[in-house]
Amino acid sequence: MEEFTSEYKASLADLTFNSKPVINTLTILADENKKYGSEVVRLIEQRIKQAPQPVKLPCLYLLDSIIKNLGGNYPILFENNLVNTFVAAFQMADEKARKDLYKLRTTGKMIFPAEILR
């Protein structure tokens, strides 16, 4: 697991802007390594909390991609800290980023209970 963690963390560091190829690659890695799902979730949540503001939104797009494309345990694993993860991104966001975050949040209505998305 240590090798996977360091590889995924390094790949996650490449996500510095909204790059569909990088997001797709990270989503595929998450799919191929579902047995490390809790580690994938931890690394993404950690990145969102610690990254500079312009990087937070692309990381949330990754979170969204994994949830919507892979399903499985990922929605459950992300649900535990979803509110705190969004708050970490929202608090530091400018007006445009907040609008993008709101749009992203509303796309999760079919996956997460309404009380989580409020």
PDB file of N, CA and C in Angstrom:
ATOM      1  N   MET A   1       0.819  -1.188   0.000  1.00  0.00           N
ATOM      2  CA  MET A   1       0.000   0.000   0.000  1.00  0.00           C
ATOM      3  C   MET A   1       0.868   1.260   0.000  1.00  0.00           C
ATOM      4  N   GLU A   2       1.987   1.219   0.638  1.00  0.00           N
ATOM      5  CA  GLU A   2       2.865   2.388   0.714  1.00  0.00           C
ATOM      6  C   GLU A   2       3.287   2.869  -0.668  1.00  0.00           C
ATOM      7  N   GLU A   3       3.595   1.917  -1.537  1.00  0.00           N
ATOM      8  CA  GLU A   3       4.005   2.263  -2.896  1.00  0.00           C
ATOM      9  C   GLU A   3       2.854   2.940  -3.649  1.00  0.00           C
ATOM     10  N   PHE A   4       1.649   2.357  -3.522  1.00  0.00           N
ATOM     11  CA  PHE A   4       0.496   2.955  -4.174  1.00  0.00           C
ATOM     12  C   PHE A   4       0.246   4.363  -3.635  1.00  0.00           C
ATOM     13  N   THR A   5       0.303   4.515  -2.324  1.00  0.00           N
ATOM     14  CA  THR A   5       0.041   5.817  -1.706  1.00  0.00           C
ATOM     15  C   THR A   5       0.995   6.877  -2.233  1.00  0.00           C
ATOM     16  N   SER A   6       2.267   6.563  -2.292  1.00  0.00           N
ATOM     17  CA  SER A   6       3.229   7.562  -2.776  1.00  0.00           C
ATOM     18  C   SER A   6       3.025   7.851  -4.262  1.00  0.00           C
ATOM     19  N   GLU A   7       2.685   6.843  -5.055  1.00  0.00           N
ATOM     20  CA  GLU A   7       2.425   7.055  -6.482  1.00  0.00           C
ATOM     21  C   GLU A   7       1.176   7.901  -6.700  1.00  0.00           C
ATOM     22  N   TYR A   8       0.116   7.599  -5.971  1.00  0.00           N
ATOM     23  CA  TYR A   8      -1.131   8.346  -6.149  1.00  0.00           C
ATOM     24  C   TYR A   8      -0.952   9.796  -5.673  1.00  0.00           C
ATOM     25  N   LYS A   9      -0.253   9.958  -4.580  1.00  0.00           N
ATOM     26  CA  LYS A   9       0.004  11.309  -4.061  1.00  0.00           C
ATOM     27  C   LYS A   9       0.809  12.132  -5.075  1.00  0.00           C
ATOM     28  N   ALA A  10       1.789  11.510  -5.692  1.00  0.00           N
ATOM     29  CA  ALA A  10       2.597  12.196  -6.705  1.00  0.00           C
ATOM     30  C   ALA A  10       1.747  12.557  -7.920  1.00  0.00           C
ATOM     31  N   SER A  11       0.890  11.645  -8.343  1.00  0.00           N
ATOM     32  CA  SER A  11       0.003  11.921  -9.473  1.00  0.00           C
ATOM     33  C   SER A  11      -1.004  13.009  -9.125  1.00  0.00           C
ATOM     34  N   LEU A  12      -1.469  12.993  -7.905  1.00  0.00           N
ATOM     35  CA  LEU A  12      -2.406  14.011  -7.434  1.00  0.00           C
ATOM     36  C   LEU A  12      -1.762  15.397  -7.435  1.00  0.00           C
ATOM     37  N   ALA A  13      -0.479  15.450  -7.168  1.00  0.00           N
ATOM     38  CA  ALA A  13       0.245  16.728  -7.179  1.00  0.00           C
ATOM     39  C   ALA A  13       0.295  17.325  -8.588  1.00  0.00           C
ATOM     40  N   ASP A  14       0.108  16.485  -9.616  1.00  0.00           N
ATOM     41  CA  ASP A  14       0.073  16.974 -10.999  1.00  0.00           C
ATOM     42  C   ASP A  14      -1.235  17.681 -11.336  1.00  0.00           C
ATOM     43  N   LEU A  15      -2.235  17.522 -10.501  1.00  0.00           N
ATOM     44  CA  LEU A  15      -3.527  18.156 -10.740  1.00  0.00           C
ATOM     45  C   LEU A  15      -3.492  19.574 -10.170  1.00  0.00           C
ATOM     46  N   THR A  16      -2.985  20.493 -10.967  1.00  0.00           N
ATOM     47  CA  THR A  16      -2.828  21.885 -10.522  1.00  0.00           C
ATOM     48  C   THR A  16      -3.795  22.836 -11.227  1.00  0.00           C
ATOM     49  N   PHE A  17      -4.524  22.319 -12.203  1.00  0.00           N
ATOM     50  CA  PHE A  17      -5.560  23.088 -12.901  1.00  0.00           C
ATOM     51  C   PHE A  17      -6.587  22.085 -13.423  1.00  0.00           C
ATOM     52  N   ASN A  18      -7.684  22.565 -13.964  1.00  0.00           N
ATOM     53  CA  ASN A  18      -8.749  21.680 -14.413  1.00  0.00           C
ATOM     54  C   ASN A  18      -8.322  20.953 -15.688  1.00  0.00           C
ATOM     55  N   SER A  19      -7.666  19.814 -15.501  1.00  0.00           N
ATOM     56  CA  SER A  19      -7.134  19.027 -16.606  1.00  0.00           C
ATOM     57  C   SER A  19      -7.881  17.701 -16.713  1.00  0.00           C
ATOM     58  N   LYS A  20      -8.717  17.578 -17.728  1.00  0.00           N
ATOM     59  CA  LYS A  20      -9.476  16.344 -17.915  1.00  0.00           C
ATOM     60  C   LYS A  20      -8.570  15.119 -18.021  1.00  0.00           C
ATOM     61  N   PRO A  21      -7.449  15.182 -18.763  1.00  0.00           N
ATOM     62  CA  PRO A  21      -6.586  13.993 -18.825  1.00  0.00           C
ATOM     63  C   PRO A  21      -6.030  13.575 -17.458  1.00  0.00           C
ATOM     64  N   VAL A  22      -5.638  14.530 -16.639  1.00  0.00           N
ATOM     65  CA  VAL A  22      -5.106  14.195 -15.307  1.00  0.00           C
ATOM     66  C   VAL A  22      -6.225  13.637 -14.435  1.00  0.00           C
ATOM     67  N   ILE A  23      -7.407  14.264 -14.481  1.00  0.00           N
ATOM     68  CA  ILE A  23      -8.547  13.777 -13.700  1.00  0.00           C
ATOM     69  C   ILE A  23      -8.921  12.358 -14.139  1.00  0.00           C
ATOM     70  N   ASN A  24      -8.939  12.115 -15.442  1.00  0.00           N
ATOM     71  CA  ASN A  24      -9.249  10.768 -15.941  1.00  0.00           C
ATOM     72  C   ASN A  24      -8.220   9.742 -15.475  1.00  0.00           C
ATOM     73  N   THR A  25      -6.947  10.108 -15.535  1.00  0.00           N
ATOM     74  CA  THR A  25      -5.885   9.201 -15.092  1.00  0.00           C
ATOM     75  C   THR A  25      -6.036   8.866 -13.614  1.00  0.00           C
ATOM     76  N   LEU A  26      -6.276   9.883 -12.793  1.00  0.00           N
ATOM     77  CA  LEU A  26      -6.446   9.659 -11.352  1.00  0.00           C
ATOM     78  C   LEU A  26      -7.702   8.839 -11.061  1.00  0.00           C
ATOM     79  N   THR A  27      -8.747   9.040 -11.845  1.00  0.00           N
ATOM     80  CA  THR A  27      -9.978   8.253 -11.685  1.00  0.00           C
ATOM     81  C   THR A  27      -9.713   6.795 -12.045  1.00  0.00           C
ATOM     82  N   ILE A  28      -8.993   6.571 -13.121  1.00  0.00           N
ATOM     83  CA  ILE A  28      -8.650   5.198 -13.526  1.00  0.00           C
ATOM     84  C   ILE A  28      -7.785   4.520 -12.463  1.00  0.00           C
ATOM     85  N   LEU A  29      -6.818   5.251 -11.929  1.00  0.00           N
ATOM     86  CA  LEU A  29      -5.980   4.687 -10.857  1.00  0.00           C
ATOM     87  C   LEU A  29      -6.832   4.305  -9.647  1.00  0.00           C
ATOM     88  N   ALA A  30      -7.795   5.151  -9.315  1.00  0.00           N
ATOM     89  CA  ALA A  30      -8.693   4.850  -8.191  1.00  0.00           C
ATOM     90  C   ALA A  30      -9.515   3.600  -8.492  1.00  0.00           C
ATOM     91  N   ASP A  31      -9.937   3.451  -9.740  1.00  0.00           N
ATOM     92  CA  ASP A  31     -10.717   2.278 -10.143  1.00  0.00           C
ATOM     93  C   ASP A  31      -9.877   1.007 -10.074  1.00  0.00           C
ATOM     94  N   GLU A  32      -8.666   1.094 -10.557  1.00  0.00           N
ATOM     95  CA  GLU A  32      -7.781  -0.076 -10.579  1.00  0.00           C
ATOM     96  C   GLU A  32      -7.288  -0.467  -9.185  1.00  0.00           C
ATOM     97  N   ASN A  33      -7.424   0.443  -8.230  1.00  0.00           N
ATOM     98  CA  ASN A  33      -6.925   0.194  -6.873  1.00  0.00           C
ATOM     99  C   ASN A  33      -8.020   0.376  -5.838  1.00  0.00           C
ATOM    100  N   LYS A  34      -9.199  -0.154  -6.127  1.00  0.00           N
ATOM    101  CA  LYS A  34     -10.338  -0.006  -5.215  1.00  0.00           C
ATOM    102  C   LYS A  34     -10.042  -0.547  -3.817  1.00  0.00           C
ATOM    103  N   LYS A  35      -9.139  -1.507  -3.744  1.00  0.00           N
ATOM    104  CA  LYS A  35      -8.806  -2.068  -2.421  1.00  0.00           C
ATOM    105  C   LYS A  35      -8.144  -1.009  -1.538  1.00  0.00           C
ATOM    106  N   TYR A  36      -7.632   0.049  -2.137  1.00  0.00           N
ATOM    107  CA  TYR A  36      -7.041   1.163  -1.393  1.00  0.00           C
ATOM    108  C   TYR A  36      -7.959   2.386  -1.402  1.00  0.00           C
ATOM    109  N   GLY A  37      -9.247   2.142  -1.569  1.00  0.00           N
ATOM    110  CA  GLY A  37     -10.218   3.229  -1.682  1.00  0.00           C
ATOM    111  C   GLY A  37     -10.164   4.225  -0.547  1.00  0.00           C
ATOM    112  N   SER A  38     -10.051   3.739   0.679  1.00  0.00           N
ATOM    113  CA  SER A  38     -10.013   4.672   1.816  1.00  0.00           C
ATOM    114  C   SER A  38      -8.758   5.547   1.760  1.00  0.00           C
ATOM    115  N   GLU A  39      -7.682   5.023   1.231  1.00  0.00           N
ATOM    116  CA  GLU A  39      -6.446   5.796   1.088  1.00  0.00           C
ATOM    117  C   GLU A  39      -6.589   6.837  -0.029  1.00  0.00           C
ATOM    118  N   VAL A  40      -7.230   6.460  -1.120  1.00  0.00           N
ATOM    119  CA  VAL A  40      -7.497   7.405  -2.212  1.00  0.00           C
ATOM    120  C   VAL A  40      -8.314   8.574  -1.674  1.00  0.00           C
ATOM    121  N   VAL A  41      -9.362   8.265  -0.944  1.00  0.00           N
ATOM    122  CA  VAL A  41     -10.234   9.291  -0.380  1.00  0.00           C
ATOM    123  C   VAL A  41      -9.447  10.185   0.578  1.00  0.00           C
ATOM    124  N   ARG A  42      -8.667   9.595   1.441  1.00  0.00           N
ATOM    125  CA  ARG A  42      -7.879  10.367   2.403  1.00  0.00           C
ATOM    126  C   ARG A  42      -6.929  11.329   1.686  1.00  0.00           C
ATOM    127  N   LEU A  43      -6.252  10.835   0.660  1.00  0.00           N
ATOM    128  CA  LEU A  43      -5.295  11.670  -0.073  1.00  0.00           C
ATOM    129  C   LEU A  43      -5.987  12.828  -0.788  1.00  0.00           C
ATOM    130  N   ILE A  44      -7.125  12.567  -1.390  1.00  0.00           N
ATOM    131  CA  ILE A  44      -7.860  13.632  -2.085  1.00  0.00           C
ATOM    132  C   ILE A  44      -8.377  14.665  -1.090  1.00  0.00           C
ATOM    133  N   GLU A  45      -8.958  14.204   0.004  1.00  0.00           N
ATOM    134  CA  GLU A  45      -9.448  15.147   1.021  1.00  0.00           C
ATOM    135  C   GLU A  45      -8.308  15.984   1.593  1.00  0.00           C
ATOM    136  N   GLN A  46      -7.195  15.346   1.846  1.00  0.00           N
ATOM    137  CA  GLN A  46      -6.021  16.055   2.365  1.00  0.00           C
ATOM    138  C   GLN A  46      -5.537  17.097   1.355  1.00  0.00           C
ATOM    139  N   ARG A  47      -5.504  16.732   0.095  1.00  0.00           N
ATOM    140  CA  ARG A  47      -5.062  17.660  -0.961  1.00  0.00           C
ATOM    141  C   ARG A  47      -5.988  18.871  -1.045  1.00  0.00           C
ATOM    142  N   ILE A  48      -7.292  18.635  -0.960  1.00  0.00           N
ATOM    143  CA  ILE A  48      -8.251  19.737  -1.017  1.00  0.00           C
ATOM    144  C   ILE A  48      -8.038  20.690   0.152  1.00  0.00           C
ATOM    145  N   LYS A  49      -7.801  20.160   1.323  1.00  0.00           N
ATOM    146  CA  LYS A  49      -7.615  21.007   2.508  1.00  0.00           C
ATOM    147  C   LYS A  49      -6.298  21.779   2.467  1.00  0.00           C
ATOM    148  N   GLN A  50      -5.261  21.180   1.912  1.00  0.00           N
ATOM    149  CA  GLN A  50      -3.929  21.788   1.983  1.00  0.00           C
ATOM    150  C   GLN A  50      -3.511  22.546   0.723  1.00  0.00           C
ATOM    151  N   ALA A  51      -4.181  22.313  -0.375  1.00  0.00           N
ATOM    152  CA  ALA A  51      -3.771  22.908  -1.651  1.00  0.00           C
ATOM    153  C   ALA A  51      -4.072  24.403  -1.689  1.00  0.00           C
ATOM    154  N   PRO A  52      -3.334  25.140  -2.510  1.00  0.00           N
ATOM    155  CA  PRO A  52      -3.675  26.543  -2.728  1.00  0.00           C
ATOM    156  C   PRO A  52      -5.068  26.637  -3.356  1.00  0.00           C
ATOM    157  N   GLN A  53      -5.739  27.740  -3.166  1.00  0.00           N
ATOM    158  CA  GLN A  53      -7.127  27.883  -3.610  1.00  0.00           C
ATOM    159  C   GLN A  53      -7.363  27.492  -5.071  1.00  0.00           C
ATOM    160  N   PRO A  54      -6.535  27.892  -6.015  1.00  0.00           N
ATOM    161  CA  PRO A  54      -6.826  27.522  -7.408  1.00  0.00           C
ATOM    162  C   PRO A  54      -6.800  26.014  -7.685  1.00  0.00           C
ATOM    163  N   VAL A  55      -6.212  25.243  -6.795  1.00  0.00           N
ATOM    164  CA  VAL A  55      -6.091  23.792  -6.989  1.00  0.00           C
ATOM    165  C   VAL A  55      -7.260  23.038  -6.348  1.00  0.00           C
ATOM    166  N   LYS A  56      -7.946  23.675  -5.427  1.00  0.00           N
ATOM    167  CA  LYS A  56      -9.029  22.999  -4.708  1.00  0.00           C
ATOM    168  C   LYS A  56     -10.156  22.549  -5.649  1.00  0.00           C
ATOM    169  N   LEU A  57     -10.595  23.436  -6.538  1.00  0.00           N
ATOM    170  CA  LEU A  57     -11.705  23.100  -7.423  1.00  0.00           C
ATOM    171  C   LEU A  57     -11.374  21.921  -8.341  1.00  0.00           C
ATOM    172  N   PRO A  58     -10.215  21.899  -8.998  1.00  0.00           N
ATOM    173  CA  PRO A  58      -9.888  20.713  -9.805  1.00  0.00           C
ATOM    174  C   PRO A  58      -9.873  19.415  -8.984  1.00  0.00           C
ATOM    175  N   CYS A  59      -9.439  19.498  -7.738  1.00  0.00           N
ATOM    176  CA  CYS A  59      -9.454  18.304  -6.881  1.00  0.00           C
ATOM    177  C   CYS A  59     -10.881  17.879  -6.551  1.00  0.00           C
ATOM    178  N   LEU A  60     -11.768  18.855  -6.410  1.00  0.00           N
ATOM    179  CA  LEU A  60     -13.174  18.518  -6.203  1.00  0.00           C
ATOM    180  C   LEU A  60     -13.782  17.922  -7.469  1.00  0.00           C
ATOM    181  N   TYR A  61     -13.326  18.370  -8.630  1.00  0.00           N
ATOM    182  CA  TYR A  61     -13.772  17.744  -9.880  1.00  0.00           C
ATOM    183  C   TYR A  61     -13.320  16.280  -9.935  1.00  0.00           C
ATOM    184  N   LEU A  62     -12.142  16.013  -9.412  1.00  0.00           N
ATOM    185  CA  LEU A  62     -11.663  14.630  -9.328  1.00  0.00           C
ATOM    186  C   LEU A  62     -12.563  13.814  -8.412  1.00  0.00           C
ATOM    187  N   LEU A  63     -12.857  14.348  -7.243  1.00  0.00           N
ATOM    188  CA  LEU A  63     -13.750  13.684  -6.296  1.00  0.00           C
ATOM    189  C   LEU A  63     -15.079  13.358  -6.995  1.00  0.00           C
ATOM    190  N   ASP A  64     -15.621  14.333  -7.704  1.00  0.00           N
ATOM    191  CA  ASP A  64     -16.871  14.165  -8.440  1.00  0.00           C
ATOM    192  C   ASP A  64     -16.748  13.061  -9.500  1.00  0.00           C
ATOM    193  N   SER A  65     -15.652  13.049 -10.224  1.00  0.00           N
ATOM    194  CA  SER A  65     -15.423  12.046 -11.262  1.00  0.00           C
ATOM    195  C   SER A  65     -15.390  10.638 -10.670  1.00  0.00           C
ATOM    196  N   ILE A  66     -14.698  10.489  -9.575  1.00  0.00           N
ATOM    197  CA  ILE A  66     -14.602   9.171  -8.932  1.00  0.00           C
ATOM    198  C   ILE A  66     -15.968   8.704  -8.447  1.00  0.00           C
ATOM    199  N   ILE A  67     -16.701   9.590  -7.807  1.00  0.00           N
ATOM    200  CA  ILE A  67     -18.012   9.217  -7.283  1.00  0.00           C
ATOM    201  C   ILE A  67     -18.963   8.826  -8.411  1.00  0.00           C
ATOM    202  N   LYS A  68     -19.009   9.636  -9.441  1.00  0.00           N
ATOM    203  CA  LYS A  68     -19.990   9.413 -10.510  1.00  0.00           C
ATOM    204  C   LYS A  68     -19.608   8.281 -11.457  1.00  0.00           C
ATOM    205  N   ASN A  69     -18.325   8.117 -11.693  1.00  0.00           N
ATOM    206  CA  ASN A  69     -17.895   7.101 -12.661  1.00  0.00           C
ATOM    207  C   ASN A  69     -17.598   5.740 -12.047  1.00  0.00           C
ATOM    208  N   LEU A  70     -17.199   5.731 -10.785  1.00  0.00           N
ATOM    209  CA  LEU A  70     -16.800   4.458 -10.181  1.00  0.00           C
ATOM    210  C   LEU A  70     -17.835   3.904  -9.214  1.00  0.00           C
ATOM    211  N   GLY A  71     -18.500   4.779  -8.486  1.00  0.00           N
ATOM    212  CA  GLY A  71     -19.486   4.299  -7.520  1.00  0.00           C
ATOM    213  C   GLY A  71     -18.847   3.390  -6.485  1.00  0.00           C
ATOM    214  N   GLY A  72     -19.423   2.218  -6.311  1.00  0.00           N
ATOM    215  CA  GLY A  72     -18.904   1.276  -5.316  1.00  0.00           C
ATOM    216  C   GLY A  72     -18.897   1.886  -3.923  1.00  0.00           C
ATOM    217  N   ASN A  73     -17.798   1.714  -3.213  1.00  0.00           N
ATOM    218  CA  ASN A  73     -17.667   2.272  -1.864  1.00  0.00           C
ATOM    219  C   ASN A  73     -17.264   3.739  -1.862  1.00  0.00           C
ATOM    220  N   TYR A  74     -16.845   4.272  -2.993  1.00  0.00           N
ATOM    221  CA  TYR A  74     -16.347   5.643  -3.010  1.00  0.00           C
ATOM    222  C   TYR A  74     -17.359   6.677  -2.509  1.00  0.00           C
ATOM    223  N   PRO A  75     -18.628   6.642  -2.927  1.00  0.00           N
ATOM    224  CA  PRO A  75     -19.560   7.633  -2.382  1.00  0.00           C
ATOM    225  C   PRO A  75     -19.678   7.563  -0.860  1.00  0.00           C
ATOM    226  N   ILE A  76     -19.700   6.355  -0.335  1.00  0.00           N
ATOM    227  CA  ILE A  76     -19.794   6.175   1.118  1.00  0.00           C
ATOM    228  C   ILE A  76     -18.550   6.718   1.807  1.00  0.00           C
ATOM    229  N   LEU A  77     -17.386   6.420   1.237  1.00  0.00           N
ATOM    230  CA  LEU A  77     -16.142   6.889   1.833  1.00  0.00           C
ATOM    231  C   LEU A  77     -16.033   8.412   1.789  1.00  0.00           C
ATOM    232  N   PHE A  78     -16.428   9.025   0.695  1.00  0.00           N
ATOM    233  CA  PHE A  78     -16.368  10.485   0.592  1.00  0.00           C
ATOM    234  C   PHE A  78     -17.444  11.166   1.432  1.00  0.00           C
ATOM    235  N   GLU A  79     -18.576  10.499   1.614  1.00  0.00           N
ATOM    236  CA  GLU A  79     -19.699  11.093   2.347  1.00  0.00           C
ATOM    237  C   GLU A  79     -19.310  11.479   3.775  1.00  0.00           C
ATOM    238  N   ASN A  80     -18.439  10.699   4.400  1.00  0.00           N
ATOM    239  CA  ASN A  80     -18.072  10.951   5.790  1.00  0.00           C
ATOM    240  C   ASN A  80     -17.544  12.359   6.037  1.00  0.00           C
ATOM    241  N   ASN A  81     -16.775  12.909   5.102  1.00  0.00           N
ATOM    242  CA  ASN A  81     -16.178  14.237   5.287  1.00  0.00           C
ATOM    243  C   ASN A  81     -16.589  15.222   4.193  1.00  0.00           C
ATOM    244  N   LEU A  82     -17.647  14.899   3.471  1.00  0.00           N
ATOM    245  CA  LEU A  82     -18.021  15.714   2.322  1.00  0.00           C
ATOM    246  C   LEU A  82     -18.272  17.180   2.684  1.00  0.00           C
ATOM    247  N   VAL A  83     -18.997  17.409   3.748  1.00  0.00           N
ATOM    248  CA  VAL A  83     -19.306  18.787   4.149  1.00  0.00           C
ATOM    249  C   VAL A  83     -18.021  19.531   4.487  1.00  0.00           C
ATOM    250  N   ASN A  84     -17.173  18.943   5.304  1.00  0.00           N
ATOM    251  CA  ASN A  84     -15.911  19.607   5.685  1.00  0.00           C
ATOM    252  C   ASN A  84     -15.006  19.840   4.472  1.00  0.00           C
ATOM    253  N   THR A  85     -15.027  18.906   3.539  1.00  0.00           N
ATOM    254  CA  THR A  85     -14.201  19.031   2.343  1.00  0.00           C
ATOM    255  C   THR A  85     -14.679  20.210   1.498  1.00  0.00           C
ATOM    256  N   PHE A  86     -15.994  20.325   1.312  1.00  0.00           N
ATOM    257  CA  PHE A  86     -16.525  21.450   0.547  1.00  0.00           C
ATOM    258  C   PHE A  86     -16.300  22.764   1.273  1.00  0.00           C
ATOM    259  N   VAL A  87     -16.485  22.775   2.574  1.00  0.00           N
ATOM    260  CA  VAL A  87     -16.272  24.005   3.348  1.00  0.00           C
ATOM    261  C   VAL A  87     -14.823  24.466   3.221  1.00  0.00           C
ATOM    262  N   ALA A  88     -13.883  23.533   3.249  1.00  0.00           N
ATOM    263  CA  ALA A  88     -12.463  23.886   3.115  1.00  0.00           C
ATOM    264  C   ALA A  88     -12.200  24.589   1.793  1.00  0.00           C
ATOM    265  N   ALA A  89     -12.883  24.178   0.749  1.00  0.00           N
ATOM    266  CA  ALA A  89     -12.707  24.812  -0.561  1.00  0.00           C
ATOM    267  C   ALA A  89     -13.502  26.112  -0.649  1.00  0.00           C
ATOM    268  N   PHE A  90     -14.706  26.128  -0.109  1.00  0.00           N
ATOM    269  CA  PHE A  90     -15.608  27.263  -0.249  1.00  0.00           C
ATOM    270  C   PHE A  90     -15.127  28.492   0.516  1.00  0.00           C
ATOM    271  N   GLN A  91     -14.599  28.299   1.700  1.00  0.00           N
ATOM    272  CA  GLN A  91     -14.189  29.418   2.547  1.00  0.00           C
ATOM    273  C   GLN A  91     -13.143  30.316   1.891  1.00  0.00           C
ATOM    274  N   MET A  92     -12.251  29.729   1.141  1.00  0.00           N
ATOM    275  CA  MET A  92     -11.149  30.478   0.550  1.00  0.00           C
ATOM    276  C   MET A  92     -11.436  30.902  -0.896  1.00  0.00           C
ATOM    277  N   ALA A  93     -12.593  30.515  -1.430  1.00  0.00           N
ATOM    278  CA  ALA A  93     -12.879  30.715  -2.845  1.00  0.00           C
ATOM    279  C   ALA A  93     -13.298  32.149  -3.165  1.00  0.00           C
ATOM    280  N   ASP A  94     -12.950  32.580  -4.375  1.00  0.00           N
ATOM    281  CA  ASP A  94     -13.461  33.854  -4.865  1.00  0.00           C
ATOM    282  C   ASP A  94     -14.876  33.618  -5.401  1.00  0.00           C
ATOM    283  N   GLU A  95     -15.526  34.681  -5.870  1.00  0.00           N
ATOM    284  CA  GLU A  95     -16.917  34.586  -6.295  1.00  0.00           C
ATOM    285  C   GLU A  95     -17.121  33.590  -7.447  1.00  0.00           C
ATOM    286  N   LYS A  96     -16.246  33.596  -8.430  1.00  0.00           N
ATOM    287  CA  LYS A  96     -16.371  32.662  -9.556  1.00  0.00           C
ATOM    288  C   LYS A  96     -16.222  31.218  -9.082  1.00  0.00           C
ATOM    289  N   ALA A  97     -15.227  30.967  -8.253  1.00  0.00           N
ATOM    290  CA  ALA A  97     -15.018  29.609  -7.741  1.00  0.00           C
ATOM    291  C   ALA A  97     -16.204  29.159  -6.890  1.00  0.00           C
ATOM    292  N   ARG A  98     -16.797  30.084  -6.142  1.00  0.00           N
ATOM    293  CA  ARG A  98     -17.973  29.722  -5.337  1.00  0.00           C
ATOM    294  C   ARG A  98     -19.141  29.320  -6.222  1.00  0.00           C
ATOM    295  N   LYS A  99     -19.332  30.008  -7.336  1.00  0.00           N
ATOM    296  CA  LYS A  99     -20.389  29.629  -8.269  1.00  0.00           C
ATOM    297  C   LYS A  99     -20.127  28.232  -8.838  1.00  0.00           C
ATOM    298  N   ASP A 100     -18.859  27.975  -9.181  1.00  0.00           N
ATOM    299  CA  ASP A 100     -18.497  26.648  -9.699  1.00  0.00           C
ATOM    300  C   ASP A 100     -18.711  25.566  -8.643  1.00  0.00           C
ATOM    301  N   LEU A 101     -18.375  25.879  -7.402  1.00  0.00           N
ATOM    302  CA  LEU A 101     -18.587  24.924  -6.308  1.00  0.00           C
ATOM    303  C   LEU A 101     -20.071  24.654  -6.096  1.00  0.00           C
ATOM    304  N   TYR A 102     -20.882  25.702  -6.204  1.00  0.00           N
ATOM    305  CA  TYR A 102     -22.320  25.507  -6.051  1.00  0.00           C
ATOM    306  C   TYR A 102     -22.852  24.589  -7.144  1.00  0.00           C
ATOM    307  N   LYS A 103     -22.433  24.823  -8.392  1.00  0.00           N
ATOM    308  CA  LYS A 103     -22.867  23.966  -9.503  1.00  0.00           C
ATOM    309  C   LYS A 103     -22.443  22.521  -9.262  1.00  0.00           C
ATOM    310  N   LEU A 104     -21.210  22.357  -8.818  1.00  0.00           N
ATOM    311  CA  LEU A 104     -20.692  21.012  -8.552  1.00  0.00           C
ATOM    312  C   LEU A 104     -21.496  20.335  -7.445  1.00  0.00           C
ATOM    313  N   ARG A 105     -21.810  21.076  -6.416  1.00  0.00           N
ATOM    314  CA  ARG A 105     -22.569  20.533  -5.288  1.00  0.00           C
ATOM    315  C   ARG A 105     -23.947  20.059  -5.738  1.00  0.00           C
ATOM    316  N   THR A 106     -24.583  20.808  -6.614  1.00  0.00           N
ATOM    317  CA  THR A 106     -25.933  20.440  -7.034  1.00  0.00           C
ATOM    318  C   THR A 106     -25.947  19.208  -7.932  1.00  0.00           C
ATOM    319  N   THR A 107     -24.821  18.872  -8.542  1.00  0.00           N
ATOM    320  CA  THR A 107     -24.792  17.663  -9.383  1.00  0.00           C
ATOM    321  C   THR A 107     -24.787  16.392  -8.542  1.00  0.00           C
ATOM    322  N   GLY A 108     -24.532  16.493  -7.258  1.00  0.00           N
ATOM    323  CA  GLY A 108     -24.495  15.322  -6.383  1.00  0.00           C
ATOM    324  C   GLY A 108     -25.829  14.930  -5.797  1.00  0.00           C
ATOM    325  N   LYS A 109     -26.901  15.620  -6.189  1.00  0.00           N
ATOM    326  CA  LYS A 109     -28.215  15.371  -5.593  1.00  0.00           C
ATOM    327  C   LYS A 109     -28.711  13.942  -5.770  1.00  0.00           C
ATOM    328  N   MET A 110     -28.313  13.287  -6.840  1.00  0.00           N
ATOM    329  CA  MET A 110     -28.779  11.931  -7.072  1.00  0.00           C
ATOM    330  C   MET A 110     -27.946  10.893  -6.304  1.00  0.00           C
ATOM    331  N   ILE A 111     -26.842  11.327  -5.721  1.00  0.00           N
ATOM    332  CA  ILE A 111     -25.931  10.386  -5.066  1.00  0.00           C
ATOM    333  C   ILE A 111     -25.995  10.492  -3.554  1.00  0.00           C
ATOM    334  N   PHE A 112     -26.035  11.734  -3.048  1.00  0.00           N
ATOM    335  CA  PHE A 112     -25.987  11.961  -1.609  1.00  0.00           C
ATOM    336  C   PHE A 112     -27.343  12.439  -1.085  1.00  0.00           C
ATOM    337  N   PRO A 113     -27.642  12.109   0.175  1.00  0.00           N
ATOM    338  CA  PRO A 113     -28.899  12.591   0.783  1.00  0.00           C
ATOM    339  C   PRO A 113     -28.901  14.136   0.816  1.00  0.00           C
ATOM    340  N   ALA A 114     -30.097  14.708   0.680  1.00  0.00           N
ATOM    341  CA  ALA A 114     -30.245  16.169   0.632  1.00  0.00           C
ATOM    342  C   ALA A 114     -29.652  16.856   1.861  1.00  0.00           C
ATOM    343  N   GLU A 115     -29.771  16.241   3.032  1.00  0.00           N
ATOM    344  CA  GLU A 115     -29.282  16.886   4.252  1.00  0.00           C
ATOM    345  C   GLU A 115     -27.758  17.087   4.234  1.00  0.00           C
ATOM    346  N   ILE A 116     -27.053  16.275   3.505  1.00  0.00           N
ATOM    347  CA  ILE A 116     -25.598  16.418   3.411  1.00  0.00           C
ATOM    348  C   ILE A 116     -25.243  17.594   2.497  1.00  0.00           C
ATOM    349  N   LEU A 117     -26.040  17.806   1.463  1.00  0.00           N
ATOM    350  CA  LEU A 117     -25.734  18.815   0.455  1.00  0.00           C
ATOM    351  C   LEU A 117     -26.239  20.206   0.799  1.00  0.00           C
ATOM    352  N   ARG A 118     -26.861  20.390   1.925  1.00  0.00           N
ATOM    353  CA  ARG A 118     -27.364  21.724   2.294  1.00  0.00           C
ATOM    354  C   ARG A 118     -26.278  22.636   2.680  1.00  0.00           C
TER     355      ARG A 118
END
